[in-house]
Amino acid sequence: MAIIPGMLTPNQIKSLLRAWIARTHPVADRDVFIDELCFVDKTRRADLVLANGKLSAFEIKSCADTLARWAGQQLAYLSCFDEVWLCCHSRHLARAIDESDSKVGIIVVDDFSGMAVIRLPKKNTAVDPYHLTGFLWREQLEQLALESGVSLSRKVLVKDLRRSLSKLPIEILKGRVLEVLKDRYVTI
């Protein structure tokens, strides 16, 4: 990725995005921003996540980036997050609109630090419970199993434990994941 003088870098865009989120989204004391959060068995990484009663993920595409991987990225995002946003440079806007699922919100950024919401995200109701359990560490999975009456042996594999917990109501899983991520990461 070549950086052209005067062009915003992904980190500069992330700073603008954080400021925009802080101005436009309700943020409470225990809400957290998470940079570079790994998800889908650590095969993907969200540029920025806001945990504030729901999980909102933001993918950043600067002018120097391409949308070549966006199709796969958005499928992964939609399997884990309540709200998905694509924040892209104006150069990518037409393709971003064409190639993004209708649930994905789109924010455009220009070379002068301007940002505009093109489309608001829709609530994602297709979160995969198994992928959601991937945000929890083994001890947290075991604790949730005990609290939920899910039987487990001491030698159970993490993937099998996750599979068993995936049968719990999605709201229980989302609540626990939010609680854990807020405890794990520094507050805003």
N, C-alpha and C. Protein backbone atom coordinates (compact mmCIF):
# COMPACT_ATOMS: atom_id res chain seq x y z
N MET A 1 0.85 -1.17 0.00
CA MET A 1 0.00 0.00 0.00
C MET A 1 0.90 1.23 0.00
N ALA A 2 0.91 1.97 -1.08
CA ALA A 2 1.71 3.19 -1.20
C ALA A 2 0.96 4.35 -0.59
N ILE A 3 1.65 5.14 0.22
CA ILE A 3 1.04 6.33 0.83
C ILE A 3 1.43 7.54 0.00
N ILE A 4 0.43 8.26 -0.46
CA ILE A 4 0.64 9.46 -1.27
C ILE A 4 0.59 10.67 -0.34
N PRO A 5 1.56 11.60 -0.45
CA PRO A 5 1.53 12.78 0.41
C PRO A 5 0.18 13.48 0.35
N GLY A 6 -0.36 13.85 1.52
CA GLY A 6 -1.65 14.51 1.59
C GLY A 6 -2.81 13.54 1.74
N MET A 7 -2.55 12.25 1.48
CA MET A 7 -3.58 11.23 1.60
C MET A 7 -3.65 10.75 3.06
N LEU A 8 -4.84 10.56 3.57
CA LEU A 8 -5.00 10.08 4.94
C LEU A 8 -4.61 8.61 5.05
N THR A 9 -3.86 8.30 6.09
CA THR A 9 -3.49 6.91 6.35
C THR A 9 -4.64 6.22 7.08
N PRO A 10 -4.63 4.89 7.12
CA PRO A 10 -5.67 4.18 7.89
C PRO A 10 -5.72 4.63 9.36
N ASN A 11 -4.57 4.88 9.97
CA ASN A 11 -4.57 5.33 11.37
C ASN A 11 -5.17 6.71 11.53
N GLN A 12 -4.93 7.60 10.57
CA GLN A 12 -5.55 8.93 10.62
C GLN A 12 -7.07 8.81 10.46
N ILE A 13 -7.49 7.93 9.56
CA ILE A 13 -8.92 7.71 9.37
C ILE A 13 -9.52 7.13 10.65
N LYS A 14 -8.80 6.20 11.29
CA LYS A 14 -9.30 5.60 12.53
C LYS A 14 -9.48 6.67 13.61
N SER A 15 -8.56 7.62 13.70
CA SER A 15 -8.69 8.71 14.68
C SER A 15 -9.92 9.56 14.40
N LEU A 16 -10.14 9.88 13.12
CA LEU A 16 -11.34 10.64 12.75
C LEU A 16 -12.61 9.85 13.08
N LEU A 17 -12.56 8.57 12.80
CA LEU A 17 -13.70 7.70 13.04
C LEU A 17 -14.02 7.62 14.53
N ARG A 18 -13.00 7.47 15.36
CA ARG A 18 -13.21 7.45 16.82
C ARG A 18 -13.90 8.73 17.30
N ALA A 19 -13.41 9.86 16.80
CA ALA A 19 -14.00 11.15 17.20
C ALA A 19 -15.46 11.23 16.74
N TRP A 20 -15.73 10.78 15.52
CA TRP A 20 -17.10 10.79 15.01
C TRP A 20 -18.00 9.89 15.85
N ILE A 21 -17.52 8.70 16.18
CA ILE A 21 -18.31 7.77 17.00
C ILE A 21 -18.61 8.40 18.36
N ALA A 22 -17.61 8.99 18.98
CA ALA A 22 -17.80 9.60 20.30
C ALA A 22 -18.85 10.73 20.24
N ARG A 23 -18.92 11.43 19.11
CA ARG A 23 -19.91 12.52 18.95
C ARG A 23 -21.30 12.00 18.62
N THR A 24 -21.40 10.89 17.92
CA THR A 24 -22.70 10.48 17.36
C THR A 24 -23.32 9.25 18.00
N HIS A 25 -22.58 8.52 18.79
CA HIS A 25 -23.12 7.32 19.43
C HIS A 25 -23.16 7.54 20.93
N PRO A 26 -24.20 7.06 21.59
CA PRO A 26 -24.22 7.16 23.05
C PRO A 26 -23.08 6.32 23.64
N VAL A 27 -22.28 6.94 24.46
CA VAL A 27 -21.13 6.26 25.06
C VAL A 27 -21.22 6.40 26.58
N ALA A 28 -21.23 5.28 27.28
CA ALA A 28 -21.30 5.27 28.74
C ALA A 28 -19.93 4.94 29.33
N ASP A 29 -19.85 4.98 30.65
CA ASP A 29 -18.58 4.79 31.36
C ASP A 29 -17.88 3.47 31.03
N ARG A 30 -18.61 2.38 30.96
CA ARG A 30 -17.97 1.08 30.73
C ARG A 30 -17.87 0.69 29.26
N ASP A 31 -18.25 1.57 28.36
CA ASP A 31 -18.15 1.27 26.94
C ASP A 31 -16.69 1.32 26.50
N VAL A 32 -16.35 0.51 25.51
CA VAL A 32 -14.95 0.44 25.09
C VAL A 32 -14.80 0.47 23.58
N PHE A 33 -13.70 1.11 23.16
CA PHE A 33 -13.21 1.00 21.79
C PHE A 33 -12.18 -0.11 21.80
N ILE A 34 -12.19 -0.95 20.78
CA ILE A 34 -11.21 -2.02 20.68
C ILE A 34 -10.57 -1.91 19.30
N ASP A 35 -9.27 -1.75 19.28
CA ASP A 35 -8.52 -1.69 18.03
C ASP A 35 -8.08 -3.09 17.63
N GLU A 36 -8.23 -3.39 16.33
CA GLU A 36 -7.69 -4.63 15.76
C GLU A 36 -8.16 -5.88 16.50
N LEU A 37 -9.45 -5.99 16.70
CA LEU A 37 -10.02 -7.15 17.39
C LEU A 37 -10.08 -8.35 16.45
N CYS A 38 -9.44 -9.44 16.87
CA CYS A 38 -9.47 -10.68 16.08
C CYS A 38 -10.81 -11.37 16.27
N PHE A 39 -11.31 -11.98 15.20
CA PHE A 39 -12.57 -12.71 15.27
C PHE A 39 -12.57 -13.81 14.22
N VAL A 40 -13.62 -14.62 14.21
CA VAL A 40 -13.75 -15.81 13.36
C VAL A 40 -12.47 -16.65 13.48
N ASP A 41 -12.28 -17.19 14.68
CA ASP A 41 -11.14 -18.06 14.97
C ASP A 41 -9.80 -17.42 14.63
N LYS A 42 -9.71 -16.13 14.88
CA LYS A 42 -8.49 -15.34 14.66
C LYS A 42 -8.06 -15.27 13.21
N THR A 43 -9.00 -15.49 12.29
CA THR A 43 -8.66 -15.40 10.87
C THR A 43 -8.94 -14.01 10.31
N ARG A 44 -9.68 -13.20 11.07
CA ARG A 44 -10.04 -11.85 10.64
C ARG A 44 -9.73 -10.87 11.76
N ARG A 45 -9.62 -9.60 11.37
CA ARG A 45 -9.32 -8.56 12.35
C ARG A 45 -10.15 -7.32 12.01
N ALA A 46 -10.95 -6.87 12.97
CA ALA A 46 -11.75 -5.65 12.79
C ALA A 46 -10.88 -4.45 13.11
N ASP A 47 -10.88 -3.46 12.24
CA ASP A 47 -10.06 -2.27 12.47
C ASP A 47 -10.45 -1.57 13.77
N LEU A 48 -11.74 -1.44 14.02
CA LEU A 48 -12.23 -0.76 15.22
C LEU A 48 -13.57 -1.37 15.61
N VAL A 49 -13.75 -1.60 16.91
CA VAL A 49 -15.01 -2.12 17.43
C VAL A 49 -15.44 -1.23 18.58
N LEU A 50 -16.73 -0.94 18.64
CA LEU A 50 -17.32 -0.25 19.78
C LEU A 50 -18.23 -1.23 20.49
N ALA A 51 -17.94 -1.47 21.78
CA ALA A 51 -18.79 -2.32 22.61
C ALA A 51 -19.55 -1.40 23.56
N ASN A 52 -20.84 -1.18 23.26
CA ASN A 52 -21.62 -0.24 24.07
C ASN A 52 -23.08 -0.68 24.19
N GLY A 53 -23.30 -1.90 24.55
CA GLY A 53 -24.66 -2.43 24.58
C GLY A 53 -24.92 -3.30 23.36
N LYS A 54 -24.10 -3.12 22.36
CA LYS A 54 -24.07 -3.96 21.16
C LYS A 54 -22.65 -3.91 20.64
N LEU A 55 -22.34 -4.80 19.72
CA LEU A 55 -21.01 -4.81 19.11
C LEU A 55 -21.10 -4.19 17.72
N SER A 56 -20.46 -3.04 17.56
CA SER A 56 -20.42 -2.35 16.27
C SER A 56 -19.00 -2.42 15.74
N ALA A 57 -18.84 -2.94 14.53
CA ALA A 57 -17.51 -3.10 13.95
C ALA A 57 -17.35 -2.18 12.75
N PHE A 58 -16.13 -1.67 12.59
CA PHE A 58 -15.81 -0.73 11.52
C PHE A 58 -14.61 -1.23 10.73
N GLU A 59 -14.78 -1.37 9.43
CA GLU A 59 -13.68 -1.71 8.52
C GLU A 59 -13.27 -0.43 7.82
N ILE A 60 -11.98 -0.15 7.76
CA ILE A 60 -11.46 1.08 7.16
C ILE A 60 -10.75 0.74 5.86
N LYS A 61 -11.10 1.47 4.81
CA LYS A 61 -10.43 1.34 3.51
C LYS A 61 -9.98 2.74 3.09
N SER A 62 -8.67 2.97 3.16
CA SER A 62 -8.11 4.26 2.76
C SER A 62 -8.00 4.32 1.24
N CYS A 63 -7.57 5.45 0.75
CA CYS A 63 -7.39 5.63 -0.70
C CYS A 63 -6.41 4.59 -1.25
N ALA A 64 -5.39 4.26 -0.47
CA ALA A 64 -4.37 3.33 -0.93
C ALA A 64 -4.82 1.87 -0.87
N ASP A 65 -5.92 1.59 -0.18
CA ASP A 65 -6.44 0.23 -0.09
C ASP A 65 -7.25 -0.13 -1.33
N THR A 66 -7.67 -1.37 -1.37
CA THR A 66 -8.60 -1.82 -2.41
C THR A 66 -9.77 -2.51 -1.71
N LEU A 67 -10.79 -2.81 -2.46
CA LEU A 67 -11.93 -3.56 -1.92
C LEU A 67 -11.86 -5.03 -2.33
N ALA A 68 -10.70 -5.48 -2.76
CA ALA A 68 -10.55 -6.84 -3.26
C ALA A 68 -10.96 -7.90 -2.23
N ARG A 69 -10.69 -7.66 -0.95
CA ARG A 69 -11.01 -8.65 0.09
C ARG A 69 -12.33 -8.37 0.79
N TRP A 70 -13.00 -7.28 0.42
CA TRP A 70 -14.19 -6.84 1.15
C TRP A 70 -15.31 -7.89 1.16
N ALA A 71 -15.53 -8.60 0.09
CA ALA A 71 -16.62 -9.59 0.05
C ALA A 71 -16.47 -10.61 1.17
N GLY A 72 -15.30 -11.17 1.32
CA GLY A 72 -15.06 -12.13 2.39
C GLY A 72 -15.06 -11.49 3.77
N GLN A 73 -14.50 -10.28 3.84
CA GLN A 73 -14.46 -9.58 5.12
C GLN A 73 -15.87 -9.30 5.63
N GLN A 74 -16.74 -8.81 4.75
CA GLN A 74 -18.07 -8.45 5.24
C GLN A 74 -18.86 -9.67 5.67
N LEU A 75 -18.68 -10.81 5.01
CA LEU A 75 -19.34 -12.04 5.46
C LEU A 75 -18.89 -12.39 6.88
N ALA A 76 -17.60 -12.27 7.12
CA ALA A 76 -17.07 -12.55 8.46
C ALA A 76 -17.62 -11.56 9.48
N TYR A 77 -17.60 -10.27 9.15
CA TYR A 77 -18.14 -9.25 10.05
C TYR A 77 -19.59 -9.55 10.39
N LEU A 78 -20.38 -9.88 9.36
CA LEU A 78 -21.81 -10.12 9.58
C LEU A 78 -22.07 -11.39 10.37
N SER A 79 -21.09 -12.25 10.51
CA SER A 79 -21.27 -13.46 11.31
C SER A 79 -21.02 -13.20 12.79
N CYS A 80 -20.48 -12.01 13.14
CA CYS A 80 -20.09 -11.76 14.53
C CYS A 80 -20.64 -10.49 15.17
N PHE A 81 -20.98 -9.48 14.38
CA PHE A 81 -21.27 -8.17 14.94
C PHE A 81 -22.72 -7.75 14.71
N ASP A 82 -23.26 -7.01 15.69
CA ASP A 82 -24.64 -6.52 15.62
C ASP A 82 -24.79 -5.44 14.56
N GLU A 83 -23.74 -4.67 14.39
CA GLU A 83 -23.75 -3.56 13.45
C GLU A 83 -22.42 -3.57 12.71
N VAL A 84 -22.46 -3.40 11.40
CA VAL A 84 -21.24 -3.42 10.59
C VAL A 84 -21.20 -2.14 9.76
N TRP A 85 -20.03 -1.49 9.79
CA TRP A 85 -19.81 -0.25 9.03
C TRP A 85 -18.59 -0.42 8.14
N LEU A 86 -18.65 0.15 6.94
CA LEU A 86 -17.49 0.27 6.07
C LEU A 86 -17.19 1.76 5.96
N CYS A 87 -16.01 2.14 6.39
CA CYS A 87 -15.56 3.54 6.29
C CYS A 87 -14.51 3.58 5.19
N CYS A 88 -14.89 4.17 4.06
CA CYS A 88 -13.99 4.10 2.91
C CYS A 88 -13.71 5.48 2.31
N HIS A 89 -12.60 5.55 1.62
CA HIS A 89 -12.24 6.77 0.89
C HIS A 89 -13.24 6.95 -0.25
N SER A 90 -13.45 8.20 -0.64
CA SER A 90 -14.42 8.51 -1.70
C SER A 90 -14.11 7.77 -3.00
N ARG A 91 -12.86 7.45 -3.21
CA ARG A 91 -12.47 6.71 -4.43
C ARG A 91 -13.16 5.35 -4.51
N HIS A 92 -13.50 4.76 -3.36
CA HIS A 92 -14.10 3.42 -3.31
C HIS A 92 -15.63 3.46 -3.19
N LEU A 93 -16.22 4.63 -3.11
CA LEU A 93 -17.62 4.73 -2.73
C LEU A 93 -18.58 3.97 -3.65
N ALA A 94 -18.50 4.17 -4.94
CA ALA A 94 -19.44 3.51 -5.86
C ALA A 94 -19.36 1.99 -5.71
N ARG A 95 -18.16 1.46 -5.68
CA ARG A 95 -17.99 0.02 -5.54
C ARG A 95 -18.44 -0.46 -4.16
N ALA A 96 -18.18 0.35 -3.12
CA ALA A 96 -18.60 -0.02 -1.77
C ALA A 96 -20.12 -0.15 -1.69
N ILE A 97 -20.82 0.77 -2.31
CA ILE A 97 -22.29 0.71 -2.31
C ILE A 97 -22.77 -0.52 -3.06
N ASP A 98 -22.19 -0.77 -4.22
CA ASP A 98 -22.59 -1.91 -5.05
C ASP A 98 -22.30 -3.26 -4.38
N GLU A 99 -21.18 -3.36 -3.68
CA GLU A 99 -20.72 -4.65 -3.18
C GLU A 99 -21.03 -4.92 -1.72
N SER A 100 -21.61 -3.94 -1.03
CA SER A 100 -21.90 -4.14 0.39
C SER A 100 -23.31 -4.64 0.60
N ASP A 101 -23.45 -5.54 1.53
CA ASP A 101 -24.76 -6.03 1.94
C ASP A 101 -25.59 -4.83 2.42
N SER A 102 -26.89 -4.90 2.24
CA SER A 102 -27.75 -3.77 2.62
C SER A 102 -27.75 -3.50 4.11
N LYS A 103 -27.28 -4.46 4.94
CA LYS A 103 -27.19 -4.25 6.38
C LYS A 103 -25.95 -3.43 6.77
N VAL A 104 -25.00 -3.30 5.87
CA VAL A 104 -23.73 -2.61 6.18
C VAL A 104 -23.91 -1.11 6.01
N GLY A 105 -23.54 -0.37 7.07
CA GLY A 105 -23.53 1.08 6.99
C GLY A 105 -22.29 1.54 6.25
N ILE A 106 -22.39 2.67 5.56
CA ILE A 106 -21.25 3.17 4.78
C ILE A 106 -20.97 4.62 5.16
N ILE A 107 -19.71 4.87 5.49
CA ILE A 107 -19.21 6.21 5.78
C ILE A 107 -18.14 6.51 4.75
N VAL A 108 -18.19 7.70 4.16
CA VAL A 108 -17.17 8.10 3.19
C VAL A 108 -16.27 9.14 3.84
N VAL A 109 -14.98 9.05 3.52
CA VAL A 109 -14.00 10.00 4.02
C VAL A 109 -13.24 10.55 2.82
N ASP A 110 -12.84 11.84 2.88
CA ASP A 110 -12.10 12.43 1.77
C ASP A 110 -10.69 12.80 2.22
N ASP A 111 -9.93 13.41 1.32
CA ASP A 111 -8.53 13.76 1.62
C ASP A 111 -8.38 14.96 2.55
N PHE A 112 -9.51 15.59 2.89
CA PHE A 112 -9.46 16.79 3.73
C PHE A 112 -10.05 16.53 5.11
N SER A 113 -10.10 15.26 5.51
CA SER A 113 -10.62 14.82 6.81
C SER A 113 -12.12 14.99 6.94
N GLY A 114 -12.82 15.12 5.83
CA GLY A 114 -14.27 15.20 5.86
C GLY A 114 -14.86 13.80 5.88
N MET A 115 -15.96 13.66 6.62
CA MET A 115 -16.65 12.37 6.70
C MET A 115 -18.14 12.60 6.53
N ALA A 116 -18.80 11.66 5.90
CA ALA A 116 -20.26 11.73 5.74
C ALA A 116 -20.83 10.31 5.77
N VAL A 117 -21.97 10.19 6.43
CA VAL A 117 -22.67 8.91 6.44
C VAL A 117 -23.46 8.80 5.15
N ILE A 118 -23.20 7.78 4.39
CA ILE A 118 -23.92 7.53 3.15
C ILE A 118 -25.13 6.63 3.42
N ARG A 119 -24.93 5.65 4.29
CA ARG A 119 -26.01 4.72 4.61
C ARG A 119 -25.84 4.24 6.05
N LEU A 120 -26.92 4.27 6.82
CA LEU A 120 -26.88 3.75 8.18
C LEU A 120 -26.95 2.22 8.14
N PRO A 121 -26.32 1.57 9.11
CA PRO A 121 -26.41 0.10 9.14
C PRO A 121 -27.78 -0.35 9.63
N LYS A 122 -28.14 -1.54 9.24
CA LYS A 122 -29.35 -2.16 9.77
C LYS A 122 -28.91 -3.19 10.80
N LYS A 123 -29.78 -3.42 11.76
CA LYS A 123 -29.46 -4.41 12.79
C LYS A 123 -29.21 -5.76 12.12
N ASN A 124 -28.11 -6.37 12.48
CA ASN A 124 -27.73 -7.66 11.93
C ASN A 124 -28.35 -8.77 12.78
N THR A 125 -29.25 -9.51 12.21
CA THR A 125 -29.90 -10.60 12.93
C THR A 125 -29.31 -11.97 12.56
N ALA A 126 -28.22 -11.96 11.80
CA ALA A 126 -27.63 -13.22 11.33
C ALA A 126 -26.31 -13.55 12.03
N VAL A 127 -26.14 -13.07 13.26
CA VAL A 127 -24.91 -13.37 14.00
C VAL A 127 -24.86 -14.86 14.27
N ASP A 128 -23.71 -15.46 14.02
CA ASP A 128 -23.51 -16.90 14.21
C ASP A 128 -23.09 -17.15 15.67
N PRO A 129 -23.89 -17.87 16.43
CA PRO A 129 -23.56 -18.09 17.85
C PRO A 129 -22.19 -18.73 18.05
N TYR A 130 -21.81 -19.64 17.17
CA TYR A 130 -20.50 -20.28 17.31
C TYR A 130 -19.38 -19.25 17.19
N HIS A 131 -19.45 -18.38 16.20
CA HIS A 131 -18.41 -17.36 16.05
C HIS A 131 -18.44 -16.37 17.22
N LEU A 132 -19.60 -16.10 17.75
CA LEU A 132 -19.71 -15.21 18.91
C LEU A 132 -18.96 -15.79 20.11
N THR A 133 -19.05 -17.10 20.30
CA THR A 133 -18.33 -17.72 21.43
C THR A 133 -16.83 -17.63 21.25
N GLY A 134 -16.37 -17.34 20.06
CA GLY A 134 -14.93 -17.21 19.81
C GLY A 134 -14.30 -16.01 20.50
N PHE A 135 -15.11 -15.06 20.96
CA PHE A 135 -14.57 -13.92 21.71
C PHE A 135 -14.25 -14.28 23.16
N LEU A 136 -14.70 -15.46 23.60
CA LEU A 136 -14.50 -15.89 24.98
C LEU A 136 -13.30 -16.82 25.09
N TRP A 137 -12.55 -16.67 26.18
CA TRP A 137 -11.43 -17.57 26.45
C TRP A 137 -11.95 -18.82 27.16
N ARG A 138 -11.13 -19.84 27.21
CA ARG A 138 -11.55 -21.14 27.76
C ARG A 138 -12.20 -21.01 29.14
N GLU A 139 -11.56 -20.26 30.05
CA GLU A 139 -12.10 -20.13 31.41
C GLU A 139 -13.49 -19.50 31.37
N GLN A 140 -13.67 -18.54 30.48
CA GLN A 140 -14.96 -17.86 30.37
C GLN A 140 -16.01 -18.79 29.76
N LEU A 141 -15.60 -19.61 28.82
CA LEU A 141 -16.51 -20.60 28.24
C LEU A 141 -16.95 -21.61 29.32
N GLU A 142 -15.99 -22.07 30.11
CA GLU A 142 -16.30 -23.04 31.16
C GLU A 142 -17.23 -22.43 32.20
N GLN A 143 -17.00 -21.18 32.56
CA GLN A 143 -17.86 -20.50 33.54
C GLN A 143 -19.29 -20.37 33.00
N LEU A 144 -19.41 -19.98 31.75
CA LEU A 144 -20.73 -19.86 31.13
C LEU A 144 -21.42 -21.21 31.08
N ALA A 145 -20.68 -22.26 30.79
CA ALA A 145 -21.25 -23.61 30.76
C ALA A 145 -21.79 -23.99 32.14
N LEU A 146 -21.01 -23.74 33.18
CA LEU A 146 -21.45 -24.05 34.54
C LEU A 146 -22.71 -23.27 34.90
N GLU A 147 -22.71 -21.98 34.60
CA GLU A 147 -23.86 -21.12 34.93
C GLU A 147 -25.10 -21.52 34.13
N SER A 148 -24.91 -22.07 32.96
CA SER A 148 -26.03 -22.39 32.07
C SER A 148 -26.46 -23.85 32.14
N GLY A 149 -25.79 -24.64 32.98
CA GLY A 149 -26.15 -26.04 33.11
C GLY A 149 -25.71 -26.91 31.94
N VAL A 150 -24.73 -26.44 31.19
CA VAL A 150 -24.20 -27.22 30.08
C VAL A 150 -23.13 -28.14 30.65
N SER A 151 -23.31 -29.45 30.50
CA SER A 151 -22.34 -30.39 31.06
C SER A 151 -21.06 -30.38 30.24
N LEU A 152 -19.95 -30.54 30.95
CA LEU A 152 -18.66 -30.59 30.27
C LEU A 152 -17.69 -31.44 31.07
N SER A 153 -16.80 -32.08 30.35
CA SER A 153 -15.74 -32.82 31.02
C SER A 153 -14.50 -31.93 31.03
N ARG A 154 -13.60 -32.24 31.91
CA ARG A 154 -12.40 -31.41 32.05
C ARG A 154 -11.54 -31.45 30.78
N LYS A 155 -11.66 -32.52 30.01
CA LYS A 155 -10.83 -32.67 28.82
C LYS A 155 -11.54 -32.24 27.54
N VAL A 156 -12.67 -31.56 27.68
CA VAL A 156 -13.42 -31.15 26.49
C VAL A 156 -12.58 -30.16 25.68
N LEU A 157 -12.61 -30.32 24.38
CA LEU A 157 -11.90 -29.40 23.50
C LEU A 157 -12.66 -28.08 23.44
N VAL A 158 -11.94 -26.98 23.27
CA VAL A 158 -12.57 -25.66 23.22
C VAL A 158 -13.60 -25.60 22.10
N LYS A 159 -13.29 -26.15 20.94
CA LYS A 159 -14.25 -26.09 19.83
C LYS A 159 -15.53 -26.84 20.17
N ASP A 160 -15.43 -27.94 20.92
CA ASP A 160 -16.62 -28.69 21.31
C ASP A 160 -17.42 -27.93 22.37
N LEU A 161 -16.72 -27.29 23.28
CA LEU A 161 -17.37 -26.46 24.28
C LEU A 161 -18.10 -25.29 23.61
N ARG A 162 -17.45 -24.67 22.64
CA ARG A 162 -18.08 -23.58 21.90
C ARG A 162 -19.33 -24.08 21.15
N ARG A 163 -19.22 -25.25 20.57
CA ARG A 163 -20.35 -25.82 19.83
C ARG A 163 -21.54 -26.05 20.78
N SER A 164 -21.26 -26.56 21.98
CA SER A 164 -22.34 -26.80 22.95
C SER A 164 -22.96 -25.48 23.41
N LEU A 165 -22.13 -24.49 23.68
CA LEU A 165 -22.64 -23.20 24.15
C LEU A 165 -23.38 -22.44 23.05
N SER A 166 -23.10 -22.76 21.81
CA SER A 166 -23.77 -22.10 20.69
C SER A 166 -25.27 -22.38 20.66
N LYS A 167 -25.69 -23.38 21.41
CA LYS A 167 -27.12 -23.71 21.47
C LYS A 167 -27.88 -22.84 22.47
N LEU A 168 -27.15 -22.07 23.28
CA LEU A 168 -27.81 -21.16 24.23
C LEU A 168 -28.50 -20.03 23.46
N PRO A 169 -29.48 -19.37 24.06
CA PRO A 169 -30.11 -18.22 23.40
C PRO A 169 -29.06 -17.16 23.05
N ILE A 170 -29.18 -16.60 21.87
CA ILE A 170 -28.19 -15.65 21.35
C ILE A 170 -28.03 -14.45 22.27
N GLU A 171 -29.11 -14.02 22.92
CA GLU A 171 -29.01 -12.84 23.80
C GLU A 171 -28.14 -13.13 25.02
N ILE A 172 -28.15 -14.36 25.51
CA ILE A 172 -27.27 -14.73 26.63
C ILE A 172 -25.82 -14.66 26.16
N LEU A 173 -25.54 -15.20 24.98
CA LEU A 173 -24.18 -15.16 24.44
C LEU A 173 -23.72 -13.73 24.21
N LYS A 174 -24.57 -12.91 23.58
CA LYS A 174 -24.20 -11.52 23.31
C LYS A 174 -23.93 -10.77 24.61
N GLY A 175 -24.78 -10.99 25.60
CA GLY A 175 -24.58 -10.32 26.89
C GLY A 175 -23.25 -10.68 27.53
N ARG A 176 -22.93 -11.96 27.49
CA ARG A 176 -21.66 -12.39 28.10
C ARG A 176 -20.47 -11.86 27.32
N VAL A 177 -20.53 -11.90 26.00
CA VAL A 177 -19.43 -11.39 25.18
C VAL A 177 -19.21 -9.90 25.45
N LEU A 178 -20.28 -9.12 25.50
CA LEU A 178 -20.15 -7.69 25.79
C LEU A 178 -19.51 -7.47 27.16
N GLU A 179 -19.98 -8.20 28.15
CA GLU A 179 -19.43 -8.08 29.50
C GLU A 179 -17.93 -8.40 29.52
N VAL A 180 -17.56 -9.49 28.88
CA VAL A 180 -16.17 -9.92 28.85
C VAL A 180 -15.28 -8.92 28.10
N LEU A 181 -15.73 -8.46 26.94
CA LEU A 181 -14.91 -7.51 26.17
C LEU A 181 -14.75 -6.18 26.91
N LYS A 182 -15.79 -5.75 27.60
CA LYS A 182 -15.69 -4.50 28.37
C LYS A 182 -14.71 -4.65 29.53
N ASP A 183 -14.66 -5.84 30.12
CA ASP A 183 -13.69 -6.09 31.19
C ASP A 183 -12.27 -6.24 30.66
N ARG A 184 -12.14 -6.82 29.48
CA ARG A 184 -10.84 -7.14 28.92
C ARG A 184 -10.11 -5.91 28.39
N TYR A 185 -10.84 -4.92 27.89
CA TYR A 185 -10.22 -3.77 27.22
C TYR A 185 -10.42 -2.49 28.03
N VAL A 186 -9.52 -1.57 27.83
CA VAL A 186 -9.54 -0.29 28.55
C VAL A 186 -10.78 0.51 28.15
N THR A 187 -11.38 1.20 29.10
CA THR A 187 -12.57 1.99 28.82
C THR A 187 -12.22 3.23 28.02
N ILE A 188 -13.25 3.80 27.38
CA ILE A 188 -13.07 4.98 26.51
C ILE A 188 -12.61 6.17 27.32
